[in-house]
Every structure is written in structure tokens, then in C-alpha cells.
Amino acid sequence: MLFRKPQTTADVLRVRYLSAVLSYVATRVGADAAEDITAEVFGAAFRALSRCPAPAPHGSEHDPARAWLFGIARHKVADHLRRPKNRETLPLPESLLAPGGPEASVERAETARALRCVLEALPELQKEALLLKYVEQLSLAEIALALGKSETAISQLLYRARQSAREHGRAYFCSEEL
């Protein structure tokens, strides 16, 4: 008879969220540094495991452990970006862009450049909230936990971020003929 070793919280975090954290970190800092920073995230998480909320059952919409882990990732990314040599503009991940022919490739590159400009124009907290919501697909409760704010504050922050992005994006995405 085979016995399964019970999964520890560390195992659950690693199995469930390694790829999501790596994707988030790569979106923020680029692929070159993403693996190292992700390793730092999980190292810090495993050292602080006693403060980790209990993971929700697999498939739950809200998992406080996931939000806690993304909070650590956010701090590690911020640490990385504080170093002057790491403040360059990064490309959007290919996963956000659809495949197509040469014309589509040029259009995607222009759209990615415009999106980068719009995101870079936003305050850091607004940019972070938008990325967590729309790229990483965290719930409001998870974003609130990751950013250390209330859900109401996150709703307001996302509203302001969308408004700001709309204003900054108007020059890139709206034609003069409108």
C-alpha cells in the first residue's frame, strides 16, 4: 500500500502559485531577472511560513495564502526596481499579445509600446493594482491583502487607475477624427 506524504503549506504554495508568481514578476521586471526574484520570493515566504494564512481549498476564488505570497512578490519586485540599474522600461509579456502575420506583429508592437507608456504614466500603486487585477487576475480581497489596504480602497484605486489609464491612453488609442 502506498502512502502519500501530507502536503505542507510550502508544498501547496509552490505547486499552486510558482508559475503565477513567476509570470507576475516577469511582467514587472522582465524575464532575465524573474527567476532569481521568484526564488527570493519563495525563500522569503518559506522563512516566514508561520505568518502565512492557511491556503484555501483548491479552486477557491479567494485564497489569503495566494494574496500573502503576491504581497511578498510585490515587495521583492520593488526592492529590485529601487536599484538604479534595474529601472529600464520593459516589454509586455508575449502572453498578452495575440499571434498573427507581419502586419499584426507591427500593430502588436505599437500597441505594446503604447500600453507601456500608459502604464508607466500611472502612479506606482495604480499600476500595481491594475497588473494584479487584470494580468494576475487576483480578486479584490486578494489585492487588498497583497497591497495592505481595504477592499473599498482597492475598488477606489482601481477606478482611479482605469480613469487615469483612459486619460493617458486617449492620445494613443483614440483617433483625432472622433
N, C-alpha and C. Protein backbone atom coordinates (compact mmCIF):
# COMPACT_ATOMS: atom_id res chain seq x y z
N MET A 1 0.84 -1.18 0.00
CA MET A 1 0.00 0.00 0.00
C MET A 1 0.89 1.25 0.00
N LEU A 2 0.56 2.19 -0.85
CA LEU A 2 1.34 3.41 -0.94
C LEU A 2 0.73 4.48 -0.05
N PHE A 3 1.61 5.18 0.65
CA PHE A 3 1.15 6.27 1.49
C PHE A 3 1.62 7.58 0.87
N ARG A 4 0.73 8.55 0.86
CA ARG A 4 1.09 9.87 0.36
C ARG A 4 1.54 10.73 1.51
N LYS A 5 2.64 11.37 1.33
CA LYS A 5 3.14 12.31 2.32
C LYS A 5 2.19 13.51 2.36
N PRO A 6 1.74 13.93 3.53
CA PRO A 6 0.84 15.08 3.57
C PRO A 6 1.54 16.32 3.01
N GLN A 7 0.78 17.10 2.27
CA GLN A 7 1.36 18.31 1.68
C GLN A 7 1.47 19.40 2.74
N THR A 8 2.64 19.99 2.79
CA THR A 8 2.87 21.10 3.71
C THR A 8 2.38 22.38 3.05
N THR A 9 2.26 23.44 3.83
CA THR A 9 1.88 24.74 3.29
C THR A 9 2.88 25.17 2.22
N ALA A 10 4.15 24.92 2.47
CA ALA A 10 5.19 25.29 1.49
C ALA A 10 4.96 24.56 0.17
N ASP A 11 4.63 23.27 0.24
CA ASP A 11 4.36 22.49 -0.98
C ASP A 11 3.16 23.07 -1.73
N VAL A 12 2.10 23.39 -0.98
CA VAL A 12 0.89 23.93 -1.60
C VAL A 12 1.20 25.26 -2.30
N LEU A 13 1.93 26.13 -1.61
CA LEU A 13 2.28 27.42 -2.22
C LEU A 13 3.10 27.23 -3.49
N ARG A 14 4.09 26.36 -3.41
CA ARG A 14 4.97 26.13 -4.56
C ARG A 14 4.20 25.54 -5.73
N VAL A 15 3.42 24.50 -5.48
CA VAL A 15 2.70 23.82 -6.56
C VAL A 15 1.64 24.72 -7.18
N ARG A 16 0.87 25.39 -6.35
CA ARG A 16 -0.24 26.20 -6.86
C ARG A 16 0.21 27.51 -7.51
N TYR A 17 1.24 28.16 -6.94
CA TYR A 17 1.48 29.54 -7.31
C TYR A 17 2.84 29.86 -7.91
N LEU A 18 3.70 28.90 -8.07
CA LEU A 18 5.02 29.17 -8.63
C LEU A 18 4.93 29.83 -10.00
N SER A 19 4.15 29.25 -10.90
CA SER A 19 4.08 29.82 -12.26
C SER A 19 3.39 31.18 -12.26
N ALA A 20 2.38 31.38 -11.41
CA ALA A 20 1.69 32.67 -11.36
C ALA A 20 2.62 33.76 -10.82
N VAL A 21 3.39 33.44 -9.79
CA VAL A 21 4.33 34.42 -9.23
C VAL A 21 5.42 34.72 -10.25
N LEU A 22 5.94 33.70 -10.91
CA LEU A 22 6.96 33.91 -11.93
C LEU A 22 6.43 34.80 -13.05
N SER A 23 5.20 34.58 -13.47
CA SER A 23 4.58 35.39 -14.52
C SER A 23 4.44 36.84 -14.06
N TYR A 24 3.98 37.04 -12.84
CA TYR A 24 3.83 38.39 -12.30
C TYR A 24 5.18 39.10 -12.23
N VAL A 25 6.17 38.43 -11.71
CA VAL A 25 7.49 39.03 -11.57
C VAL A 25 8.07 39.35 -12.96
N ALA A 26 7.91 38.44 -13.91
CA ALA A 26 8.43 38.67 -15.26
C ALA A 26 7.73 39.86 -15.90
N THR A 27 6.46 40.04 -15.63
CA THR A 27 5.73 41.19 -16.17
C THR A 27 6.30 42.49 -15.63
N ARG A 28 6.72 42.47 -14.39
CA ARG A 28 7.22 43.69 -13.74
C ARG A 28 8.68 43.97 -14.01
N VAL A 29 9.54 42.93 -14.10
CA VAL A 29 10.98 43.17 -14.20
C VAL A 29 11.63 42.58 -15.44
N GLY A 30 10.91 41.81 -16.22
CA GLY A 30 11.48 41.16 -17.39
C GLY A 30 11.94 39.75 -17.09
N ALA A 31 12.08 38.97 -18.14
CA ALA A 31 12.40 37.55 -18.00
C ALA A 31 13.78 37.29 -17.41
N ASP A 32 14.75 38.18 -17.69
CA ASP A 32 16.12 37.95 -17.24
C ASP A 32 16.24 37.83 -15.73
N ALA A 33 15.56 38.69 -15.00
CA ALA A 33 15.68 38.70 -13.54
C ALA A 33 14.55 37.95 -12.85
N ALA A 34 13.53 37.54 -13.60
CA ALA A 34 12.32 36.96 -13.00
C ALA A 34 12.58 35.71 -12.17
N GLU A 35 13.41 34.80 -12.67
CA GLU A 35 13.64 33.55 -11.93
C GLU A 35 14.35 33.81 -10.61
N ASP A 36 15.34 34.68 -10.62
CA ASP A 36 16.06 34.99 -9.38
C ASP A 36 15.15 35.65 -8.36
N ILE A 37 14.35 36.59 -8.81
CA ILE A 37 13.45 37.29 -7.88
C ILE A 37 12.37 36.33 -7.38
N THR A 38 11.87 35.47 -8.24
CA THR A 38 10.87 34.49 -7.81
C THR A 38 11.47 33.56 -6.76
N ALA A 39 12.71 33.17 -6.94
CA ALA A 39 13.38 32.35 -5.93
C ALA A 39 13.48 33.11 -4.61
N GLU A 40 13.77 34.42 -4.67
CA GLU A 40 13.80 35.23 -3.47
C GLU A 40 12.43 35.29 -2.80
N VAL A 41 11.37 35.39 -3.61
CA VAL A 41 10.01 35.44 -3.09
C VAL A 41 9.71 34.17 -2.30
N PHE A 42 9.98 33.03 -2.90
CA PHE A 42 9.66 31.77 -2.22
C PHE A 42 10.58 31.53 -1.04
N GLY A 43 11.83 31.96 -1.13
CA GLY A 43 12.72 31.85 0.01
C GLY A 43 12.20 32.66 1.19
N ALA A 44 11.79 33.90 0.92
CA ALA A 44 11.24 34.75 1.99
C ALA A 44 9.94 34.16 2.53
N ALA A 45 9.12 33.63 1.64
CA ALA A 45 7.84 33.04 2.07
C ALA A 45 8.09 31.82 2.96
N PHE A 46 9.02 30.98 2.57
CA PHE A 46 9.28 29.78 3.37
C PHE A 46 9.89 30.12 4.71
N ARG A 47 10.69 31.19 4.77
CA ARG A 47 11.26 31.61 6.05
C ARG A 47 10.18 32.20 6.97
N ALA A 48 9.13 32.76 6.38
CA ALA A 48 8.06 33.39 7.15
C ALA A 48 6.78 32.56 7.14
N LEU A 49 6.90 31.29 6.92
CA LEU A 49 5.74 30.41 6.78
C LEU A 49 4.79 30.46 7.98
N SER A 50 5.32 30.74 9.15
CA SER A 50 4.46 30.79 10.34
C SER A 50 3.46 31.95 10.25
N ARG A 51 3.73 32.96 9.40
CA ARG A 51 2.81 34.09 9.23
C ARG A 51 1.88 33.90 8.04
N CYS A 52 2.03 32.82 7.30
CA CYS A 52 1.21 32.58 6.12
C CYS A 52 -0.20 32.14 6.54
N PRO A 53 -1.23 32.79 5.99
CA PRO A 53 -2.59 32.32 6.25
C PRO A 53 -2.78 30.92 5.67
N ALA A 54 -3.69 30.18 6.21
CA ALA A 54 -3.95 28.82 5.71
C ALA A 54 -4.46 28.90 4.27
N PRO A 55 -3.88 28.10 3.38
CA PRO A 55 -4.36 28.11 1.99
C PRO A 55 -5.81 27.66 1.91
N ALA A 56 -6.58 28.31 1.06
CA ALA A 56 -7.97 27.93 0.84
C ALA A 56 -8.00 26.63 0.05
N PRO A 57 -9.12 25.91 0.08
CA PRO A 57 -9.22 24.70 -0.72
C PRO A 57 -8.96 25.00 -2.19
N HIS A 58 -8.36 24.07 -2.88
CA HIS A 58 -8.00 24.26 -4.29
C HIS A 58 -9.24 24.66 -5.08
N GLY A 59 -9.09 25.70 -5.90
CA GLY A 59 -10.19 26.16 -6.74
C GLY A 59 -11.02 27.26 -6.11
N SER A 60 -10.72 27.65 -4.87
CA SER A 60 -11.47 28.73 -4.22
C SER A 60 -11.16 30.05 -4.93
N GLU A 61 -12.17 30.92 -4.97
CA GLU A 61 -11.98 32.21 -5.62
C GLU A 61 -11.04 33.10 -4.83
N HIS A 62 -11.12 33.05 -3.52
CA HIS A 62 -10.27 33.89 -2.67
C HIS A 62 -9.36 33.00 -1.84
N ASP A 63 -8.07 33.20 -1.99
CA ASP A 63 -7.10 32.44 -1.21
C ASP A 63 -6.16 33.41 -0.52
N PRO A 64 -6.31 33.58 0.81
CA PRO A 64 -5.45 34.53 1.52
C PRO A 64 -3.96 34.17 1.41
N ALA A 65 -3.65 32.90 1.27
CA ALA A 65 -2.24 32.49 1.13
C ALA A 65 -1.67 33.01 -0.19
N ARG A 66 -2.45 32.96 -1.24
CA ARG A 66 -2.02 33.48 -2.54
C ARG A 66 -1.79 34.99 -2.46
N ALA A 67 -2.72 35.70 -1.83
CA ALA A 67 -2.58 37.14 -1.69
C ALA A 67 -1.34 37.48 -0.86
N TRP A 68 -1.09 36.71 0.20
CA TRP A 68 0.08 36.92 1.05
C TRP A 68 1.36 36.74 0.23
N LEU A 69 1.38 35.70 -0.60
CA LEU A 69 2.54 35.42 -1.45
C LEU A 69 2.76 36.53 -2.47
N PHE A 70 1.69 37.04 -3.07
CA PHE A 70 1.82 38.14 -4.03
C PHE A 70 2.27 39.42 -3.34
N GLY A 71 1.90 39.59 -2.07
CA GLY A 71 2.41 40.73 -1.31
C GLY A 71 3.92 40.67 -1.17
N ILE A 72 4.44 39.47 -0.89
CA ILE A 72 5.89 39.29 -0.80
C ILE A 72 6.53 39.56 -2.16
N ALA A 73 5.90 39.05 -3.22
CA ALA A 73 6.43 39.26 -4.57
C ALA A 73 6.47 40.75 -4.89
N ARG A 74 5.44 41.45 -4.53
CA ARG A 74 5.40 42.90 -4.78
C ARG A 74 6.57 43.60 -4.11
N HIS A 75 6.86 43.23 -2.87
CA HIS A 75 7.96 43.86 -2.15
C HIS A 75 9.32 43.50 -2.77
N LYS A 76 9.49 42.26 -3.19
CA LYS A 76 10.75 41.85 -3.81
C LYS A 76 10.95 42.57 -5.15
N VAL A 77 9.87 42.74 -5.91
CA VAL A 77 9.96 43.48 -7.17
C VAL A 77 10.33 44.94 -6.88
N ALA A 78 9.69 45.53 -5.87
CA ALA A 78 10.00 46.92 -5.52
C ALA A 78 11.47 47.06 -5.11
N ASP A 79 11.96 46.11 -4.33
CA ASP A 79 13.38 46.13 -3.94
C ASP A 79 14.27 46.10 -5.18
N HIS A 80 13.93 45.24 -6.11
CA HIS A 80 14.71 45.12 -7.35
C HIS A 80 14.68 46.42 -8.14
N LEU A 81 13.50 47.02 -8.26
CA LEU A 81 13.36 48.23 -9.07
C LEU A 81 13.97 49.46 -8.41
N ARG A 82 14.19 49.42 -7.11
CA ARG A 82 14.83 50.54 -6.42
C ARG A 82 16.29 50.69 -6.82
N ARG A 83 16.89 49.60 -7.23
CA ARG A 83 18.29 49.68 -7.67
C ARG A 83 18.33 50.40 -9.01
N PRO A 84 19.11 51.47 -9.12
CA PRO A 84 19.10 52.31 -10.33
C PRO A 84 19.32 51.55 -11.63
N LYS A 85 20.16 50.55 -11.64
CA LYS A 85 20.45 49.84 -12.89
C LYS A 85 19.26 49.01 -13.37
N ASN A 86 18.24 48.83 -12.53
CA ASN A 86 17.11 47.98 -12.88
C ASN A 86 15.86 48.77 -13.28
N ARG A 87 15.97 50.05 -13.55
CA ARG A 87 14.80 50.88 -13.82
C ARG A 87 14.51 51.08 -15.30
N GLU A 88 14.82 50.15 -16.13
CA GLU A 88 14.57 50.33 -17.55
C GLU A 88 13.12 49.96 -17.89
N THR A 89 12.64 50.45 -19.01
CA THR A 89 11.30 50.11 -19.47
C THR A 89 11.31 48.70 -20.02
N LEU A 90 10.29 47.94 -19.65
CA LEU A 90 10.25 46.53 -20.02
C LEU A 90 9.17 46.26 -21.05
N PRO A 91 9.39 45.26 -21.91
CA PRO A 91 8.35 44.90 -22.86
C PRO A 91 7.20 44.19 -22.16
N LEU A 92 6.00 44.27 -22.75
CA LEU A 92 4.90 43.49 -22.22
C LEU A 92 5.15 42.03 -22.54
N PRO A 93 4.70 41.11 -21.69
CA PRO A 93 4.92 39.70 -21.98
C PRO A 93 4.19 39.26 -23.24
N GLU A 94 4.80 38.35 -23.97
CA GLU A 94 4.20 37.85 -25.21
C GLU A 94 2.83 37.24 -24.97
N SER A 95 2.59 36.70 -23.77
CA SER A 95 1.31 36.07 -23.48
C SER A 95 0.15 37.06 -23.56
N LEU A 96 0.44 38.36 -23.47
CA LEU A 96 -0.62 39.37 -23.56
C LEU A 96 -0.92 39.74 -25.01
N LEU A 97 -0.10 39.30 -25.92
CA LEU A 97 -0.25 39.68 -27.32
C LEU A 97 -0.68 38.48 -28.15
N ALA A 98 -1.60 38.69 -29.09
CA ALA A 98 -2.11 37.58 -29.91
C ALA A 98 -1.21 37.36 -31.13
N PRO A 99 -1.15 36.10 -31.63
CA PRO A 99 -0.33 35.81 -32.82
C PRO A 99 -0.99 36.37 -34.09
N GLY A 100 -0.22 36.49 -35.17
CA GLY A 100 -0.75 36.98 -36.44
C GLY A 100 0.36 37.14 -37.45
N GLY A 101 0.05 37.75 -38.58
CA GLY A 101 1.02 37.96 -39.64
C GLY A 101 1.93 39.14 -39.36
N PRO A 102 2.72 39.54 -40.34
CA PRO A 102 3.66 40.65 -40.16
C PRO A 102 2.97 41.98 -39.80
N GLU A 103 1.82 42.25 -40.47
CA GLU A 103 1.09 43.48 -40.15
C GLU A 103 0.62 43.45 -38.70
N ALA A 104 0.12 42.31 -38.28
CA ALA A 104 -0.35 42.16 -36.90
C ALA A 104 0.81 42.29 -35.92
N SER A 105 1.98 41.80 -36.33
CA SER A 105 3.15 41.90 -35.47
C SER A 105 3.55 43.35 -35.25
N VAL A 106 3.51 44.15 -36.31
CA VAL A 106 3.84 45.57 -36.20
C VAL A 106 2.79 46.27 -35.33
N GLU A 107 1.54 45.94 -35.57
CA GLU A 107 0.46 46.55 -34.79
C GLU A 107 0.57 46.17 -33.32
N ARG A 108 0.89 44.91 -33.03
CA ARG A 108 1.06 44.46 -31.63
C ARG A 108 2.22 45.20 -30.97
N ALA A 109 3.31 45.39 -31.72
CA ALA A 109 4.46 46.10 -31.16
C ALA A 109 4.08 47.55 -30.84
N GLU A 110 3.33 48.18 -31.72
CA GLU A 110 2.89 49.56 -31.47
C GLU A 110 1.94 49.62 -30.28
N THR A 111 1.03 48.66 -30.20
CA THR A 111 0.08 48.61 -29.08
C THR A 111 0.82 48.36 -27.78
N ALA A 112 1.78 47.45 -27.80
CA ALA A 112 2.56 47.15 -26.58
C ALA A 112 3.32 48.39 -26.13
N ARG A 113 3.90 49.12 -27.07
CA ARG A 113 4.62 50.36 -26.74
C ARG A 113 3.66 51.37 -26.12
N ALA A 114 2.50 51.51 -26.70
CA ALA A 114 1.51 52.46 -26.17
C ALA A 114 1.03 52.03 -24.79
N LEU A 115 0.78 50.75 -24.61
CA LEU A 115 0.36 50.25 -23.29
C LEU A 115 1.44 50.48 -22.25
N ARG A 116 2.70 50.25 -22.64
CA ARG A 116 3.82 50.51 -21.73
C ARG A 116 3.84 51.97 -21.31
N CYS A 117 3.66 52.85 -22.29
CA CYS A 117 3.66 54.29 -21.99
C CYS A 117 2.51 54.65 -21.06
N VAL A 118 1.34 54.09 -21.31
CA VAL A 118 0.19 54.36 -20.45
C VAL A 118 0.46 53.86 -19.03
N LEU A 119 0.96 52.63 -18.90
CA LEU A 119 1.26 52.08 -17.58
C LEU A 119 2.34 52.87 -16.86
N GLU A 120 3.38 53.26 -17.58
CA GLU A 120 4.48 54.00 -16.97
C GLU A 120 4.03 55.38 -16.48
N ALA A 121 2.98 55.92 -17.09
CA ALA A 121 2.49 57.24 -16.69
C ALA A 121 1.67 57.20 -15.39
N LEU A 122 1.24 56.00 -15.01
CA LEU A 122 0.41 55.86 -13.80
C LEU A 122 1.27 55.87 -12.54
N PRO A 123 0.70 56.34 -11.43
CA PRO A 123 1.40 56.19 -10.15
C PRO A 123 1.64 54.71 -9.86
N GLU A 124 2.70 54.41 -9.15
CA GLU A 124 3.13 53.03 -8.92
C GLU A 124 2.01 52.15 -8.34
N LEU A 125 1.27 52.66 -7.36
CA LEU A 125 0.23 51.86 -6.71
C LEU A 125 -0.91 51.56 -7.68
N GLN A 126 -1.26 52.52 -8.53
CA GLN A 126 -2.31 52.27 -9.53
C GLN A 126 -1.85 51.21 -10.53
N LYS A 127 -0.60 51.34 -10.98
CA LYS A 127 -0.05 50.37 -11.93
C LYS A 127 -0.06 48.97 -11.31
N GLU A 128 0.36 48.88 -10.06
CA GLU A 128 0.41 47.60 -9.35
C GLU A 128 -0.99 46.98 -9.24
N ALA A 129 -1.97 47.80 -8.88
CA ALA A 129 -3.34 47.30 -8.73
C ALA A 129 -3.88 46.78 -10.07
N LEU A 130 -3.64 47.52 -11.14
CA LEU A 130 -4.11 47.08 -12.46
C LEU A 130 -3.45 45.76 -12.87
N LEU A 131 -2.15 45.64 -12.65
CA LEU A 131 -1.46 44.39 -13.02
C LEU A 131 -1.98 43.21 -12.21
N LEU A 132 -2.17 43.41 -10.91
CA LEU A 132 -2.68 42.32 -10.08
C LEU A 132 -4.09 41.92 -10.47
N LYS A 133 -4.91 42.89 -10.84
CA LYS A 133 -6.30 42.61 -11.21
C LYS A 133 -6.42 41.98 -12.59
N TYR A 134 -5.80 42.61 -13.59
CA TYR A 134 -6.06 42.20 -14.97
C TYR A 134 -5.03 41.26 -15.56
N VAL A 135 -3.82 41.26 -15.08
CA VAL A 135 -2.83 40.31 -15.59
C VAL A 135 -2.81 39.06 -14.71
N GLU A 136 -2.73 39.26 -13.39
CA GLU A 136 -2.66 38.11 -12.48
C GLU A 136 -4.02 37.61 -12.06
N GLN A 137 -5.08 38.38 -12.33
CA GLN A 137 -6.46 38.02 -12.06
C GLN A 137 -6.74 37.71 -10.59
N LEU A 138 -6.15 38.50 -9.70
CA LEU A 138 -6.44 38.36 -8.28
C LEU A 138 -7.79 39.02 -7.99
N SER A 139 -8.47 38.51 -6.97
CA SER A 139 -9.74 39.10 -6.55
C SER A 139 -9.46 40.39 -5.79
N LEU A 140 -10.49 41.19 -5.57
CA LEU A 140 -10.32 42.43 -4.81
C LEU A 140 -9.78 42.13 -3.42
N ALA A 141 -10.29 41.08 -2.79
CA ALA A 141 -9.83 40.73 -1.44
C ALA A 141 -8.35 40.36 -1.46
N GLU A 142 -7.92 39.63 -2.48
CA GLU A 142 -6.51 39.24 -2.58
C GLU A 142 -5.62 40.45 -2.85
N ILE A 143 -6.08 41.35 -3.71
CA ILE A 143 -5.31 42.56 -3.99
C ILE A 143 -5.21 43.40 -2.72
N ALA A 144 -6.31 43.50 -1.99
CA ALA A 144 -6.32 44.26 -0.74
C ALA A 144 -5.29 43.71 0.23
N LEU A 145 -5.25 42.40 0.36
CA LEU A 145 -4.28 41.77 1.26
C LEU A 145 -2.85 41.99 0.76
N ALA A 146 -2.65 41.83 -0.55
CA ALA A 146 -1.31 41.99 -1.11
C ALA A 146 -0.79 43.42 -0.97
N LEU A 147 -1.69 44.40 -1.08
CA LEU A 147 -1.27 45.80 -1.02
C LEU A 147 -1.46 46.42 0.37
N GLY A 148 -2.02 45.63 1.29
CA GLY A 148 -2.20 46.13 2.65
C GLY A 148 -3.24 47.22 2.76
N LYS A 149 -4.32 47.09 2.01
CA LYS A 149 -5.40 48.09 2.01
C LYS A 149 -6.74 47.37 2.13
N SER A 150 -7.80 48.13 2.36
CA SER A 150 -9.15 47.55 2.43
C SER A 150 -9.67 47.29 1.02
N GLU A 151 -10.69 46.44 0.91
CA GLU A 151 -11.28 46.16 -0.40
C GLU A 151 -11.90 47.43 -0.99
N THR A 152 -12.50 48.26 -0.14
CA THR A 152 -13.08 49.52 -0.61
C THR A 152 -11.99 50.41 -1.19
N ALA A 153 -10.86 50.49 -0.50
CA ALA A 153 -9.74 51.31 -1.00
C ALA A 153 -9.24 50.76 -2.34
N ILE A 154 -9.20 49.43 -2.48
CA ILE A 154 -8.75 48.83 -3.74
C ILE A 154 -9.74 49.13 -4.85
N SER A 155 -11.04 49.06 -4.56
CA SER A 155 -12.05 49.39 -5.58
C SER A 155 -11.85 50.82 -6.07
N GLN A 156 -11.63 51.74 -5.13
CA GLN A 156 -11.41 53.14 -5.50
C GLN A 156 -10.10 53.30 -6.27
N LEU A 157 -9.06 52.59 -5.83
CA LEU A 157 -7.77 52.66 -6.50
C LEU A 157 -7.87 52.16 -7.94
N LEU A 158 -8.58 51.04 -8.14
CA LEU A 158 -8.76 50.51 -9.49
C LEU A 158 -9.58 51.46 -10.35
N TYR A 159 -10.60 52.07 -9.77
CA TYR A 159 -11.41 53.03 -10.51
C TYR A 159 -10.53 54.19 -10.98
N ARG A 160 -9.75 54.75 -10.05
CA ARG A 160 -8.86 55.87 -10.41
C ARG A 160 -7.81 55.43 -11.43
N ALA A 161 -7.30 54.21 -11.28
CA ALA A 161 -6.29 53.70 -12.21
C ALA A 161 -6.88 53.55 -13.61
N ARG A 162 -8.10 53.03 -13.71
CA ARG A 162 -8.74 52.90 -15.02
C ARG A 162 -9.01 54.27 -15.64
N GLN A 163 -9.44 55.23 -14.81
CA GLN A 163 -9.68 56.58 -15.29
C GLN A 163 -8.38 57.21 -15.80
N SER A 164 -7.32 57.08 -15.01
CA SER A 164 -6.03 57.63 -15.41
C SER A 164 -5.51 56.97 -16.68
N ALA A 165 -5.64 55.64 -16.75
CA ALA A 165 -5.19 54.91 -17.94
C ALA A 165 -5.99 55.35 -19.16
N ARG A 166 -7.28 55.55 -18.97
CA ARG A 166 -8.12 56.02 -20.08
C ARG A 166 -7.65 57.39 -20.56
N GLU A 167 -7.38 58.29 -19.62
CA GLU A 167 -6.90 59.62 -19.99
C GLU A 167 -5.55 59.56 -20.70
N HIS A 168 -4.60 58.82 -20.12
CA HIS A 168 -3.27 58.72 -20.73
C HIS A 168 -3.33 57.97 -22.06
N GLY A 169 -4.22 57.02 -22.17
CA GLY A 169 -4.32 56.21 -23.38
C GLY A 169 -5.06 56.89 -24.51
N ARG A 170 -5.80 57.93 -24.19
CA ARG A 170 -6.58 58.63 -25.21
C ARG A 170 -5.69 59.08 -26.38
N ALA A 171 -4.51 59.56 -26.09
CA ALA A 171 -3.60 60.02 -27.13
C ALA A 171 -3.10 58.87 -28.01
N TYR A 172 -3.03 57.68 -27.46
CA TYR A 172 -2.51 56.54 -28.20
C TYR A 172 -3.58 55.76 -28.95
N PHE A 173 -4.78 55.70 -28.36
CA PHE A 173 -5.78 54.77 -28.88
C PHE A 173 -6.99 55.44 -29.50
N CYS A 174 -7.14 56.73 -29.37
CA CYS A 174 -8.28 57.43 -29.96
C CYS A 174 -7.82 58.26 -31.14
N SER A 175 -8.54 58.13 -32.24
CA SER A 175 -8.14 58.89 -33.43
C SER A 175 -8.60 60.34 -33.28
N GLU A 176 -7.98 61.22 -34.00
CA GLU A 176 -8.29 62.64 -33.97
C GLU A 176 -9.67 62.92 -34.58
N GLU A 177 -10.16 61.98 -35.39
CA GLU A 177 -11.41 62.19 -36.12
C GLU A 177 -12.63 62.02 -35.24
N LEU A 178 -12.50 61.53 -34.02
CA LEU A 178 -13.67 61.28 -33.18
C LEU A 178 -14.32 62.54 -32.69
